[in-house]
Structures are given as structure tokens and as C-alpha cells.
Amino acid sequence: MNYRFLFLIVFSLPILLYSQSRVFPAENEYNEGVLLTWDYAPSRDSVIANIARSLQDVTTVWIIYYPGPAPYDTSYIRYYLLQHGVGYTNVKFIPGWTETLWIRDYGPFSGYRYNGENWERFFLDARYSKYNRPKDDSIPSQLGRQWGIPVTQFPVEVEGGNVILDGTGNGFGSKRIYNQNPSYTQNQIKNLFLDYFGLNDFYFLDVLEHSGGGIWMHVDMFMKMIDNQTIMVSSYPQYLPDYPIIEGIAQQLAQTLNQFGVPYKVIRIPAPPKADGSYATTLNDEMRTYTNSLTTNGVVVLPRYNHPLDDTAREIYKRALPGYEIRMVDARTLTPLYGAIHCVTREVCKAEFLRILHTALKGEQPYEPVKKLYCKVQAAGAIDSVMLYYRVLPQTTFQTLPMQPYAGDFEGVIDGLNPGDTVQYYIYAADTAGHVFEPAVAPIVFHQFTLSTGGVSITENSFSYCNFVFNNGNFYLNFKPSERERIILVRIVDINGKEVSRNYATQDSYILLGKLARGWYFSQVVTTKGVYSRKIFFTD
């Protein structure tokens, strides 16, 4: 047999997702609004006002004000907002007994649960009892009573800034959660997260003990979920004591599979220094970060520090989230208090339970005349329609293609593609209560991929050991993965783009792929460390 190598990347995999009675959307999904707390501190009120101005054209902004004796009433707050360019549109006031502005930490986790008859929006209220802030701790219950939203108590002590969800069944937090809950074992804590959040897995990451940020050691100070397959992680100079820890976290995340069975792509973003140019080397010091941003309804509110790296951070976000508006807000009065933009905001999911879960095709893809896209739709009511909208540049109008039920998911097939084509697409779903898009603010934002014009060589060194064997009419893969590497998917496609063999995650090194006729085939081995591909001609 003669082998030639052709680069071939992952296509959209059918989604294998958890089935739970509780679902918590990711931050980047469409939200009804964002909660802010008025702090009654001039140095920080301007931050809240600037965040409100950045969001009011895309979502509802709820500002929690203190209903008891306070320096200013809502008339003064409204006047202050107007003076800072915040109009009346989509800005509402909510009375709430509070003590601080850190709504991310004590505010409610908003999600959906099945109550035995239907799906409903609800709040999950984590314990927040160790800071002597009972008013802050009661905010989820206060809001639940005012809005008529049921509240469930989560028996684990944890702040919201230390919980990041990808929306498909994975969650992340730092190992500080273990120390906060000494009455539970580590396994019990994990199981509580899986149960109350409806997750398949929750990952406890190492803490940064010498990079500032105070005792909280929150994951949102050094990582951000861009979408369900992409994570942004801070990078630090090599001379800092926490450098090996943050590199280890980045490596761990890159080797972790999301619930689609795809390894997360890790994007690095530099963490800016303090105003004097130095970085924190102790725990109780200022920690500046660009990952502590808010993403909602097509807008990213990104912290600004009046540092040259601000422009770099903006460009990294623009590349990571094409089509999103990047709006920067000065966060220099927040970081000395160990927080930033994400810490003073809390998104609230929309009332209707209707979601599209999809692993998107992005960037350069290998040429195939046919591309299959899959999605799962979760809905409270009956699903009326699921549509794929796509265009092949230079077309300006999106074509509409109904997606068909396929093994519990929905499948859309784009055919007639040519090498070098650039495809832009988004997905629409509707049920009896409403509709939703993927991405959340399509068609302003859409997914895009480009088909390659030819093969890119991959050397044999790209493989730990990989060989295709034909024996007695059957085709086998003999694959010996390296340490900490395992197979996710093995796929064989004929020269016409028809898939002739597919095998999912396995630990076996000798895999039966099936019977093949004489001719050319494209082979693809997807592992936790990369994608290995070859173009093979079988002569029998």
C-alpha cells in the first residue's frame, strides 16, 4: 500500500449530551438582562454607570438600589446615570437590601428545571455566609420573591466568580471550594455540583496563590469561556512564581473534552501589570485581568486599565468573537478590591426554556463537497421548526435549509461545495413559546469556515504510532497513543465525501474500521492531543 498524507480537521460531530432535570445556560447564550448593584461610592458608581451604558442597547439592565436609609434615592441615581450618558431605555431599578457591589458572587445562578409537569426558570442560591454579609447573601431570595421565580438552596459555600459553566454539561471552579466546605469530602462536593447544576462533570483547578486577587482565588480572574469549545486563559511572565501553575491549568484545559467529545481550544491573553509596571507576587495584592469580562447578547464588556495591552486584549477578543461589539470600561477602581467587570455583573437567563446546542465549524476546514451540521434543541414546548441559514461567499443572501431529525438531534446538509469556498451560517429554532438563534445574536453574528484548496502535509512524527492495516477483507487502525492521549473519533470517508466508517472514543489500540472496496479514502484520527489525517489508496 502507498500512503500520502492529507490534513483533515474535525467536522461537526453529532452531539451526545446529558439528559438532566436542571439546565444552566452558558454566559454567552441569549439573556434577558444583567444585574448590577449600586454601590453609593463615587469612585465605583461611574463603573456601574459605564457598564449600564455599554449594555442598555442589547439587554435589560437592572440596578439594585438600597430601599432603606441611603445617601441617594432613585431620582439621584437616575440623574447620575443621565449625566454619564445612560438613558432611560432598558434601565430599571430593583429595591434590594445589599452591602457590596459584588453581585457576581452573591447573586443567583439562573437556569431551568423540570418540576414534574413543565420546564420553568429558577434561581439557585449558593451559600455565602462566611463574610458577615447577610443582606448580600439574601439577594437571590429577595429577587425571587419580587419576580415570582422559585429559589433552590445550594448547600455548598461558593461564590459565583468561582463557577464557570460551558452550557453543555461541564463546569469549572478552583480548589479553594474544598477548603470552604470542610464538612464535605471532595467527592461529595463534586457530586453536589453535578446534581444541583445538572452537569456531567465539574473540574477543580489549581489556585493562583501568588498573583493577587485576595483570598477568593476565583477562576474568572484567569479564565473565560468564549463558547462551548473555546476557553481563554491568562498568560504571565515566566519569572513569576505562579507561571508554572497557570501553564499547567492551560494544559489541563486543552486536554479536557467538552460534552461534544471535542478538546477545548485554549486561547491565551496576557494579564496586564499593575500601574507601576509590576505584577503581584503575593495573594493579597492587586490582580489585573482581561478574562474578568462579561459576554451577553453580542457584546463583550472588557476591563480597561489605560495600558498598552488594552489594545492587544481588544484584538484578541475580536478574533475570538468575530462580530461581537467589544466595549471597554475602566476597571482601575475595582482591581485593588480584588475584582473587575465580571465580578460586578450577573446575567439572568430568558424566561422561556429554548436552546440550541451546537459544535460550530470554524476556521479552515478540509475540502469535502458535502458538509453535515448537527445540533440539539432543548425546549419546553413542541419544536415547530429548526432551520439552517447559510451562504457561500460572495453571496449576500442566506439560503434557508430545514434541518431534519437525526438520532435525537437535527441534521443539516450543505452540498455542492468547492475547494476554497467560505461558508457563513447560523441556526434558528422555534417552539410554541418563542424562537432562538445560534449564535445568540444571529444573523449579526454567524459562524464561518473556509474549505481548503489542497492538502497540507503532516509528517510521520505527528503520530505517536499510527498504521492502517488491511487483512482478510477488513480495514484496521493500529494506533498507539502517547502518554495522556486517547482516541475520540476515527472516521473514514471515500473520495465522494461519503462516510464509510465511524468509531467513537476508545482505549483500544487495534480498531476494526470495516470492509472497504478498492480506491482512495480520507482517514481521520481525532485524539485529545490533535487531529491525525491521511489520504490512502487501497489497492487490495
Protein backbone atom coordinates (compact mmCIF):
# COMPACT_ATOMS: atom_id res chain seq x y z
CA MET A 1 0.00 0.00 0.00
CA ASN A 2 1.11 3.55 -0.73
CA TYR A 3 0.31 6.31 1.78
CA ARG A 4 0.03 10.02 1.15
CA PHE A 5 -0.86 12.48 3.89
CA LEU A 6 -3.66 14.99 3.77
CA PHE A 7 -4.60 17.37 6.56
CA LEU A 8 -8.20 16.77 7.63
CA ILE A 9 -9.88 18.54 10.52
CA VAL A 10 -12.89 17.64 12.69
CA PHE A 11 -16.28 18.18 11.11
CA SER A 12 -19.40 18.83 13.20
CA LEU A 13 -19.89 15.79 15.39
CA PRO A 14 -23.33 14.54 16.38
CA ILE A 15 -23.95 15.88 19.86
CA LEU A 16 -24.01 13.43 22.76
CA LEU A 17 -25.30 15.44 25.70
CA TYR A 18 -26.51 14.93 29.21
CA SER A 19 -30.19 14.50 29.98
CA GLN A 20 -30.93 16.23 33.26
CA SER A 21 -33.85 17.89 35.03
CA ARG A 22 -31.77 21.06 35.51
CA VAL A 23 -30.03 23.12 32.86
CA PHE A 24 -27.85 26.22 33.25
CA PRO A 25 -27.04 28.13 30.07
CA ALA A 26 -23.59 29.49 29.36
CA GLU A 27 -22.96 33.20 29.80
CA ASN A 28 -22.66 33.73 26.04
CA GLU A 29 -26.18 32.45 25.35
CA TYR A 30 -29.04 34.92 24.93
CA ASN A 31 -30.00 36.52 28.26
CA GLU A 32 -33.00 38.53 29.42
CA GLY A 33 -30.89 41.01 31.32
CA VAL A 34 -27.96 41.84 33.61
CA LEU A 35 -28.00 42.66 37.32
CA LEU A 36 -25.86 45.47 38.77
CA THR A 37 -25.71 46.76 42.35
CA TRP A 38 -25.46 50.49 43.06
CA ASP A 39 -22.55 50.92 45.46
CA TYR A 40 -23.08 54.51 46.70
CA ALA A 41 -19.34 55.12 46.28
CA PRO A 42 -18.38 57.84 43.75
CA SER A 43 -15.18 56.06 42.71
CA ARG A 44 -17.17 52.97 41.68
CA ASP A 45 -20.57 54.40 40.72
CA SER A 46 -19.03 55.56 37.44
CA VAL A 47 -18.02 51.96 36.66
CA ILE A 48 -21.60 50.76 37.19
CA ALA A 49 -22.89 53.63 35.03
CA ASN A 50 -20.43 52.86 32.24
CA ILE A 51 -21.37 49.17 32.28
CA ALA A 52 -25.05 50.10 32.09
CA ARG A 53 -24.35 52.37 29.13
CA SER A 54 -22.45 49.55 27.39
CA LEU A 55 -25.35 47.11 27.77
CA GLN A 56 -28.62 49.02 27.58
CA ASP A 57 -28.94 48.76 23.79
CA VAL A 58 -28.72 44.94 23.83
CA THR A 59 -30.37 43.83 27.09
CA THR A 60 -32.30 44.93 30.16
CA VAL A 61 -30.13 46.43 32.90
CA TRP A 62 -31.47 46.01 36.43
CA ILE A 63 -29.82 48.23 39.05
CA ILE A 64 -30.36 47.11 42.64
CA TYR A 65 -30.74 50.10 44.96
CA TYR A 66 -30.89 50.16 48.74
CA PRO A 67 -34.52 50.66 49.84
CA GLY A 68 -33.71 51.78 53.39
CA PRO A 69 -31.87 54.89 54.56
CA ALA A 70 -29.28 55.57 51.87
CA PRO A 71 -27.22 58.50 50.61
CA TYR A 72 -29.35 58.91 47.48
CA ASP A 73 -32.75 57.88 46.28
CA THR A 74 -33.51 56.52 42.79
CA SER A 75 -34.08 60.04 41.45
CA TYR A 76 -30.49 60.94 42.23
CA ILE A 77 -29.22 57.66 40.76
CA ARG A 78 -31.22 58.32 37.60
CA TYR A 79 -29.76 61.83 37.37
CA TYR A 80 -26.24 60.42 37.87
CA LEU A 81 -26.83 57.91 35.09
CA LEU A 82 -28.11 60.57 32.73
CA GLN A 83 -25.02 62.67 33.43
CA HIS A 84 -22.92 59.65 32.37
CA GLY A 85 -24.79 59.03 29.12
CA VAL A 86 -27.16 56.34 30.38
CA GLY A 87 -30.65 56.96 29.03
CA TYR A 88 -33.97 55.56 30.20
CA THR A 89 -34.11 52.71 27.67
CA ASN A 90 -33.86 49.23 29.22
CA VAL A 91 -32.63 50.52 32.60
CA LYS A 92 -34.78 49.52 35.59
CA PHE A 93 -34.42 49.83 39.35
CA ILE A 94 -34.96 47.00 41.83
CA PRO A 95 -35.12 47.51 45.60
CA GLY A 96 -32.73 45.19 47.41
CA TRP A 97 -31.04 45.07 50.78
CA THR A 98 -27.32 44.82 49.96
CA GLU A 99 -23.92 45.61 51.44
CA THR A 100 -21.49 45.43 48.50
CA LEU A 101 -21.47 45.64 44.71
CA TRP A 102 -20.13 42.08 44.08
CA ILE A 103 -23.37 40.75 42.60
CA ARG A 104 -21.49 38.03 40.69
CA ASP A 105 -20.57 36.34 43.94
CA TYR A 106 -23.80 36.57 45.94
CA GLY A 107 -26.34 36.88 43.13
CA PRO A 108 -28.46 33.98 41.84
CA PHE A 109 -27.42 31.34 39.35
CA SER A 110 -30.31 31.43 36.86
CA GLY A 111 -31.31 28.30 34.97
CA TYR A 112 -34.16 25.94 34.19
CA ARG A 113 -35.61 22.93 35.95
CA TYR A 114 -38.26 20.37 35.21
CA ASN A 115 -40.83 20.46 38.03
CA GLY A 116 -42.57 17.23 37.09
CA GLU A 117 -45.01 18.90 34.70
CA ASN A 118 -43.07 21.51 32.74
CA TRP A 119 -39.81 23.41 32.49
CA GLU A 120 -39.53 26.62 34.50
CA ARG A 121 -36.89 29.24 35.17
CA PHE A 122 -35.49 29.14 38.69
CA PHE A 123 -32.70 30.56 40.84
CA LEU A 124 -30.02 28.51 42.55
CA ASP A 125 -28.78 30.22 45.73
CA ALA A 126 -25.32 29.16 46.89
CA ARG A 127 -24.19 29.63 50.49
CA TYR A 128 -22.45 32.96 51.09
CA SER A 129 -22.36 33.02 54.87
CA LYS A 130 -18.70 33.45 55.83
CA TYR A 131 -18.29 37.16 55.05
CA ASN A 132 -20.76 38.57 57.60
CA ARG A 133 -22.89 40.00 54.78
CA PRO A 134 -26.37 38.59 55.43
CA LYS A 135 -28.08 41.18 53.21
CA ASP A 136 -25.90 40.24 50.23
CA ASP A 137 -26.47 36.57 50.99
CA SER A 138 -30.25 37.06 50.84
CA ILE A 139 -30.36 38.75 47.40
CA PRO A 140 -31.38 35.59 45.45
CA SER A 141 -34.36 35.14 47.78
CA GLN A 142 -35.22 38.85 47.62
CA LEU A 143 -35.24 38.80 43.83
CA GLY A 144 -37.10 35.50 43.69
CA ARG A 145 -39.92 36.91 45.82
CA GLN A 146 -40.19 40.11 43.77
CA TRP A 147 -40.16 38.35 40.40
CA GLY A 148 -42.07 35.22 41.36
CA ILE A 149 -39.13 32.97 40.49
CA PRO A 150 -38.65 29.84 42.65
CA VAL A 151 -35.37 29.63 44.56
CA THR A 152 -33.47 26.45 45.45
CA GLN A 153 -30.76 26.49 48.11
CA PHE A 154 -27.38 25.04 47.10
CA PRO A 155 -25.74 23.57 50.23
CA VAL A 156 -22.17 24.41 49.12
CA GLU A 157 -20.27 27.54 50.14
CA VAL A 158 -19.08 29.09 46.88
CA GLU A 159 -19.03 32.48 45.18
CA GLY A 160 -20.38 32.95 41.67
CA GLY A 161 -17.00 34.16 40.42
CA ASN A 162 -15.61 30.72 41.17
CA VAL A 163 -18.07 28.81 38.97
CA ILE A 164 -17.83 28.84 35.17
CA LEU A 165 -20.20 26.73 33.05
CA ASP A 166 -19.85 25.86 29.37
CA GLY A 167 -23.60 25.35 28.88
CA THR A 168 -23.29 21.76 27.67
CA GLY A 169 -22.62 19.89 30.90
CA ASN A 170 -19.14 20.90 32.11
CA GLY A 171 -18.29 23.26 34.95
CA PHE A 172 -15.07 24.72 36.39
CA GLY A 173 -14.02 26.14 39.75
CA SER A 174 -10.88 26.43 41.85
CA LYS A 175 -9.80 24.00 44.56
CA ARG A 176 -10.48 26.70 47.15
CA ILE A 177 -14.04 25.32 47.17
CA TYR A 178 -12.67 22.28 49.01
CA ASN A 179 -11.33 24.45 51.84
CA GLN A 180 -14.57 26.41 52.06
CA ASN A 181 -16.59 23.25 52.72
CA PRO A 182 -14.63 21.12 55.23
CA SER A 183 -17.72 19.15 56.26
CA TYR A 184 -17.88 17.55 52.81
CA THR A 185 -15.39 15.25 51.12
CA GLN A 186 -14.05 16.30 47.72
CA ASN A 187 -16.15 13.63 46.06
CA GLN A 188 -19.28 14.82 47.86
CA ILE A 189 -18.66 18.40 46.75
CA LYS A 190 -18.29 17.31 43.14
CA ASN A 191 -21.46 15.23 43.28
CA LEU A 192 -23.39 18.17 44.71
CA PHE A 193 -22.28 20.33 41.77
CA LEU A 194 -23.26 17.61 39.30
CA ASP A 195 -26.67 17.17 40.93
CA TYR A 196 -27.72 20.78 41.57
CA PHE A 197 -26.35 22.19 38.30
CA GLY A 198 -27.34 19.21 36.13
CA LEU A 199 -23.75 18.65 34.98
CA ASN A 200 -21.85 15.70 33.61
CA ASP A 201 -18.53 16.84 35.04
CA PHE A 202 -17.04 19.58 37.22
CA TYR A 203 -13.30 20.31 37.18
CA PHE A 204 -11.49 21.74 40.21
CA LEU A 205 -8.46 23.76 39.06
CA ASP A 206 -5.32 24.69 40.96
CA VAL A 207 -5.33 28.07 42.69
CA LEU A 208 -3.03 31.01 41.97
CA GLU A 209 -1.56 31.79 45.39
CA HIS A 210 0.97 34.45 44.35
CA SER A 211 -0.85 36.52 41.73
CA GLY A 212 -3.08 38.73 43.84
CA GLY A 213 -6.85 38.68 43.85
CA GLY A 214 -7.21 38.12 47.58
CA ILE A 215 -8.34 35.01 49.41
CA TRP A 216 -11.11 34.26 46.90
CA MET A 217 -8.90 32.67 44.20
CA HIS A 218 -11.70 32.79 41.64
CA VAL A 219 -11.37 31.14 38.25
CA ASP A 220 -12.95 34.11 36.46
CA MET A 221 -9.83 36.11 37.29
CA PHE A 222 -7.71 33.97 34.94
CA MET A 223 -10.05 32.10 32.58
CA LYS A 224 -13.13 32.81 30.47
CA MET A 225 -15.47 30.57 28.49
CA ILE A 226 -15.62 32.02 24.96
CA ASP A 227 -18.03 29.36 23.68
CA ASN A 228 -18.68 25.69 24.35
CA GLN A 229 -15.40 24.65 22.75
CA THR A 230 -13.09 27.60 23.44
CA ILE A 231 -11.54 28.83 26.71
CA MET A 232 -9.44 31.98 27.18
CA VAL A 233 -6.66 31.76 29.78
CA SER A 234 -4.40 34.49 31.12
CA SER A 235 -0.67 34.34 30.47
CA TYR A 236 2.03 35.66 32.81
CA PRO A 237 5.77 36.35 32.51
CA GLN A 238 7.90 33.29 33.15
CA TYR A 239 9.68 34.80 36.15
CA LEU A 240 6.51 34.98 38.27
CA PRO A 241 6.01 32.27 40.92
CA ASP A 242 2.58 31.24 39.59
CA TYR A 243 3.80 30.85 35.99
CA PRO A 244 4.06 27.02 36.15
CA ILE A 245 0.63 26.83 37.78
CA ILE A 246 -1.15 28.87 35.10
CA GLU A 247 0.65 26.92 32.36
CA GLY A 248 -0.43 23.68 33.98
CA ILE A 249 -4.03 24.91 34.08
CA ALA A 250 -3.89 25.87 30.40
CA GLN A 251 -2.51 22.44 29.52
CA GLN A 252 -5.16 20.69 31.62
CA LEU A 253 -7.96 22.59 29.92
CA ALA A 254 -6.53 21.87 26.46
CA GLN A 255 -6.63 18.15 27.27
CA THR A 256 -10.19 18.26 28.63
CA LEU A 257 -13.10 17.21 26.43
CA ASN A 258 -16.33 19.14 26.31
CA GLN A 259 -19.58 17.20 26.23
CA PHE A 260 -19.40 17.06 22.42
CA GLY A 261 -16.27 14.93 22.84
CA VAL A 262 -14.06 17.72 21.44
CA PRO A 263 -10.95 19.03 23.27
CA TYR A 264 -11.25 22.65 24.31
CA LYS A 265 -9.28 25.13 22.27
CA VAL A 266 -7.30 27.34 24.64
CA ILE A 267 -6.64 30.97 23.70
CA ARG A 268 -4.04 32.88 25.69
CA ILE A 269 -4.35 36.54 26.64
CA PRO A 270 -1.68 38.50 28.54
CA ALA A 271 -2.54 39.64 32.05
CA PRO A 272 -1.64 43.32 32.44
CA PRO A 273 0.66 44.54 35.21
CA LYS A 274 -0.28 46.98 37.94
CA ALA A 275 0.02 50.71 37.38
CA ASP A 276 3.67 50.69 38.46
CA GLY A 277 4.54 48.01 35.88
CA SER A 278 4.99 45.21 38.40
CA TYR A 279 2.95 42.05 38.93
CA ALA A 280 1.60 40.74 42.19
CA THR A 281 3.70 38.03 43.85
CA THR A 282 1.52 37.59 46.93
CA LEU A 283 -2.10 36.69 47.50
CA ASN A 284 -3.41 39.95 48.93
CA ASP A 285 -2.39 42.23 46.12
CA GLU A 286 -4.00 43.80 43.06
CA MET A 287 -4.72 41.37 40.23
CA ARG A 288 -5.44 42.92 36.85
CA THR A 289 -7.00 40.68 34.25
CA TYR A 290 -8.77 40.73 30.89
CA THR A 291 -10.61 37.45 31.42
CA ASN A 292 -12.87 39.11 34.02
CA SER A 293 -15.22 40.42 31.33
CA LEU A 294 -18.94 40.00 30.63
CA THR A 295 -20.31 38.48 27.42
CA THR A 296 -24.00 38.92 26.73
CA ASN A 297 -26.23 39.29 23.67
CA GLY A 298 -23.44 40.06 21.21
CA VAL A 299 -21.49 42.47 23.42
CA VAL A 300 -18.32 41.97 25.46
CA VAL A 301 -17.77 44.45 28.29
CA LEU A 302 -14.00 44.30 28.68
CA PRO A 303 -11.98 45.87 31.52
CA ARG A 304 -9.65 48.71 30.56
CA TYR A 305 -6.58 49.86 32.51
CA ASN A 306 -5.16 52.61 30.27
CA HIS A 307 -2.25 50.30 29.50
CA PRO A 308 -0.80 49.44 26.05
CA LEU A 309 -2.03 45.87 26.50
CA ASP A 310 -5.62 47.15 26.37
CA ASP A 311 -5.41 47.30 22.57
CA THR A 312 -3.90 43.81 22.45
CA ALA A 313 -6.72 42.44 24.59
CA ARG A 314 -9.34 44.06 22.38
CA GLU A 315 -7.82 42.47 19.26
CA ILE A 316 -7.65 39.04 20.89
CA TYR A 317 -11.34 39.26 21.80
CA LYS A 318 -12.24 40.45 18.30
CA ARG A 319 -10.51 37.43 16.80
CA ALA A 320 -12.07 35.06 19.34
CA LEU A 321 -15.59 36.52 18.97
CA PRO A 322 -15.93 37.88 15.41
CA GLY A 323 -18.97 40.10 15.01
CA TYR A 324 -19.24 40.93 18.70
CA GLU A 325 -19.06 44.52 19.92
CA ILE A 326 -16.08 44.96 22.25
CA ARG A 327 -16.84 47.78 24.68
CA MET A 328 -14.18 48.66 27.25
CA VAL A 329 -14.88 50.07 30.72
CA ASP A 330 -12.23 51.44 33.07
CA ALA A 331 -11.81 48.92 35.90
CA ARG A 332 -8.92 50.52 37.79
CA THR A 333 -11.05 51.27 40.86
CA LEU A 334 -12.18 47.63 41.07
CA THR A 335 -8.95 45.63 40.87
CA PRO A 336 -7.47 46.98 44.15
CA LEU A 337 -10.59 45.44 45.74
CA TYR A 338 -9.79 42.12 44.01
CA GLY A 339 -12.43 42.26 41.28
CA ALA A 340 -13.24 43.62 37.82
CA ILE A 341 -16.16 43.77 35.34
CA HIS A 342 -17.37 40.17 35.64
CA CYS A 343 -17.43 40.46 39.44
CA VAL A 344 -19.96 43.32 39.47
CA THR A 345 -22.36 41.86 36.88
CA ARG A 346 -24.71 38.88 36.88
CA GLU A 347 -26.68 37.78 33.81
CA VAL A 348 -30.22 36.40 34.12
CA CYS A 349 -31.38 33.84 31.55
CA LYS A 350 -34.52 34.45 29.50
CA ALA A 351 -37.82 33.16 30.85
CA GLU A 352 -38.52 30.64 28.05
CA PHE A 353 -36.64 27.35 28.04
CA LEU A 354 -35.50 27.05 24.43
CA ARG A 355 -31.87 26.41 23.50
CA ILE A 356 -29.76 25.30 20.55
CA LEU A 357 -26.64 23.27 21.35
CA HIS A 358 -24.17 23.06 18.51
CA THR A 359 -20.47 22.49 17.99
CA ALA A 360 -19.60 25.02 15.32
CA LEU A 361 -17.42 24.66 12.27
CA LYS A 362 -14.80 27.40 12.40
CA GLY A 363 -11.72 28.48 10.50
CA GLU A 364 -10.13 26.39 7.77
CA GLN A 365 -11.71 23.03 7.08
CA PRO A 366 -10.63 20.26 4.69
CA TYR A 367 -12.39 20.25 1.38
CA GLU A 368 -15.43 18.00 1.18
CA PRO A 369 -18.23 18.54 -1.35
CA VAL A 370 -20.76 17.93 1.44
CA LYS A 371 -20.71 19.32 4.98
CA LYS A 372 -23.08 17.97 7.61
CA LEU A 373 -24.03 20.14 10.58
CA TYR A 374 -25.71 18.82 13.70
CA CYS A 375 -27.47 20.47 16.62
CA LYS A 376 -29.62 19.55 19.58
CA VAL A 377 -32.65 21.63 20.54
CA GLN A 378 -33.88 21.74 24.13
CA ALA A 379 -37.36 23.20 24.53
CA ALA A 380 -40.23 23.38 27.00
CA GLY A 381 -42.83 23.13 24.24
CA ALA A 382 -43.17 21.30 20.96
CA ILE A 383 -40.48 22.21 18.44
CA ASP A 384 -42.06 23.85 15.40
CA SER A 385 -39.03 24.18 13.16
CA VAL A 386 -35.25 24.04 13.05
CA MET A 387 -33.64 25.88 10.15
CA LEU A 388 -30.09 26.22 8.86
CA TYR A 389 -29.29 29.54 7.19
CA TYR A 390 -26.11 29.61 5.11
CA ARG A 391 -24.41 31.46 2.28
CA VAL A 392 -21.30 30.77 0.27
CA LEU A 393 -19.35 33.97 -0.33
CA PRO A 394 -19.65 36.21 -2.32
CA GLN A 395 -23.37 35.51 -1.88
CA THR A 396 -25.03 38.18 0.27
CA THR A 397 -28.32 36.41 0.96
CA PHE A 398 -28.62 33.46 3.32
CA GLN A 399 -30.25 30.36 1.90
CA THR A 400 -32.74 28.53 4.11
CA LEU A 401 -32.48 24.80 4.69
CA PRO A 402 -34.78 22.82 7.04
CA MET A 403 -32.80 20.64 9.43
CA GLN A 404 -34.10 17.10 9.74
CA PRO A 405 -34.36 14.91 12.86
CA TYR A 406 -31.34 12.65 13.14
CA ALA A 407 -30.72 10.24 16.04
CA GLY A 408 -32.22 12.62 18.59
CA ASP A 409 -30.51 15.64 17.04
CA PHE A 410 -31.12 17.73 13.93
CA GLU A 411 -29.03 17.47 10.78
CA GLY A 412 -28.46 19.98 8.01
CA VAL A 413 -26.55 19.11 4.84
CA ILE A 414 -24.78 21.72 2.69
CA ASP A 415 -23.77 20.22 -0.65
CA GLY A 416 -22.24 21.43 -3.88
CA LEU A 417 -19.24 22.96 -2.15
CA ASN A 418 -15.94 23.66 -3.90
CA PRO A 419 -12.35 23.98 -2.69
CA GLY A 420 -11.69 27.45 -1.30
CA ASP A 421 -15.36 28.20 -0.56
CA THR A 422 -16.09 30.33 2.52
CA VAL A 423 -19.36 29.43 4.21
CA GLN A 424 -21.21 31.58 6.75
CA TYR A 425 -24.12 30.07 8.66
CA TYR A 426 -26.38 30.21 11.69
CA ILE A 427 -29.19 28.06 13.10
CA TYR A 428 -32.74 29.02 14.05
CA ALA A 429 -35.21 27.06 16.18
CA ALA A 430 -38.78 27.84 17.20
CA ASP A 431 -41.28 26.27 19.54
CA THR A 432 -44.77 27.24 20.68
CA ALA A 433 -43.38 29.91 23.06
CA GLY A 434 -40.72 31.66 21.01
CA HIS A 435 -37.55 31.29 18.98
CA VAL A 436 -33.79 31.28 19.43
CA PHE A 437 -30.66 31.56 17.29
CA GLU A 438 -27.20 30.01 17.35
CA PRO A 439 -25.08 32.13 17.64
CA ALA A 440 -27.30 34.01 20.08
CA VAL A 441 -27.50 37.27 18.10
CA ALA A 442 -27.55 35.89 14.55
CA PRO A 443 -27.59 37.00 11.80
CA ILE A 444 -25.48 39.90 13.09
CA VAL A 445 -23.04 37.28 14.32
CA PHE A 446 -22.61 33.98 12.47
CA HIS A 447 -20.27 31.02 12.22
CA GLN A 448 -17.78 30.91 9.34
CA PHE A 449 -15.49 28.29 7.86
CA THR A 450 -13.36 28.09 4.71
CA LEU A 451 -12.66 24.93 2.73
CA SER A 452 -9.02 24.30 2.00
CA THR A 453 -7.78 24.26 -1.58
CA GLY A 454 -5.43 21.35 -1.12
CA GLY A 455 -3.73 19.03 1.32
CA VAL A 456 -1.20 20.15 3.88
CA SER A 457 1.47 17.58 4.63
CA ILE A 458 1.78 16.12 8.10
CA THR A 459 4.93 14.20 8.89
CA GLU A 460 5.06 10.78 10.50
CA ASN A 461 6.39 12.49 13.64
CA SER A 462 2.88 13.90 14.16
CA PHE A 463 1.85 10.36 15.11
CA SER A 464 2.88 8.54 18.24
CA TYR A 465 2.34 5.45 16.10
CA CYS A 466 -0.38 5.06 13.50
CA ASN A 467 -0.74 2.48 10.78
CA PHE A 468 -3.65 1.25 8.66
CA VAL A 469 -3.80 -2.48 8.05
CA PHE A 470 -5.93 -4.50 5.60
CA ASN A 471 -6.46 -8.15 6.50
CA ASN A 472 -8.99 -10.71 5.22
CA GLY A 473 -11.24 -8.06 3.69
CA ASN A 474 -11.30 -5.88 6.81
CA PHE A 475 -9.69 -2.50 7.40
CA TYR A 476 -7.98 -1.88 10.77
CA LEU A 477 -6.30 1.03 12.52
CA ASN A 478 -3.28 0.18 14.63
CA PHE A 479 -2.75 3.23 16.85
CA LYS A 480 -0.54 3.55 19.90
CA PRO A 481 -1.30 6.86 21.62
CA SER A 482 1.32 8.62 23.66
CA GLU A 483 1.03 9.24 27.38
CA ARG A 484 -2.21 11.02 28.41
CA GLU A 485 -3.60 10.74 24.89
CA ARG A 486 -6.72 8.87 23.90
CA ILE A 487 -8.79 8.47 20.74
CA ILE A 488 -12.01 10.49 20.42
CA LEU A 489 -13.07 9.57 16.89
CA VAL A 490 -11.86 7.54 13.92
CA ARG A 491 -13.54 8.39 10.62
CA ILE A 492 -13.10 7.10 7.06
CA VAL A 493 -14.57 8.98 4.07
CA ASP A 494 -14.48 7.89 0.44
CA ILE A 495 -13.40 10.15 -2.43
CA ASN A 496 -17.01 11.33 -2.97
CA GLY A 497 -17.32 12.56 0.59
CA LYS A 498 -19.43 9.62 1.78
CA GLU A 499 -18.60 8.44 5.26
CA VAL A 500 -17.95 4.70 5.24
CA SER A 501 -16.76 4.13 8.80
CA ARG A 502 -17.04 5.89 12.16
CA ASN A 503 -15.78 4.78 15.59
CA TYR A 504 -16.10 6.88 18.76
CA ALA A 505 -13.94 7.21 21.88
CA THR A 506 -11.99 4.10 22.70
CA GLN A 507 -8.94 2.97 24.61
CA ASP A 508 -8.21 0.17 22.15
CA SER A 509 -5.11 0.40 20.01
CA TYR A 510 -6.34 -2.02 17.33
CA ILE A 511 -9.66 -0.85 15.90
CA LEU A 512 -11.83 -2.57 13.29
CA LEU A 513 -12.97 0.00 10.72
CA GLY A 514 -14.91 -2.30 8.39
CA LYS A 515 -14.77 -3.65 4.84
CA LEU A 516 -13.56 -1.32 2.08
CA ALA A 517 -13.51 -1.57 -1.71
CA ARG A 518 -10.56 -0.61 -3.87
CA GLY A 519 -9.98 3.16 -4.16
CA TRP A 520 -8.99 6.40 -2.41
CA TYR A 521 -10.06 7.17 1.18
CA PHE A 522 -9.61 10.03 3.60
CA SER A 523 -8.79 8.83 7.10
CA GLN A 524 -9.05 10.92 10.24
CA VAL A 525 -8.00 10.11 13.81
CA VAL A 526 -9.10 12.67 16.39
CA THR A 527 -7.36 12.40 19.77
CA THR A 528 -7.12 14.52 22.90
CA LYS A 529 -3.86 15.93 21.52
CA GLY A 530 -4.76 16.67 17.94
CA VAL A 531 -6.09 15.50 14.59
CA TYR A 532 -4.08 12.98 12.54
CA SER A 533 -5.11 12.50 8.92
CA ARG A 534 -4.07 10.68 5.76
CA LYS A 535 -5.22 10.14 2.23
CA ILE A 536 -4.95 6.44 1.49
CA PHE A 537 -5.23 4.43 -1.71
CA PHE A 538 -6.20 0.83 -1.16
CA THR A 539 -5.18 -1.48 -3.96
CA ASP A 540 -6.48 -4.74 -2.36
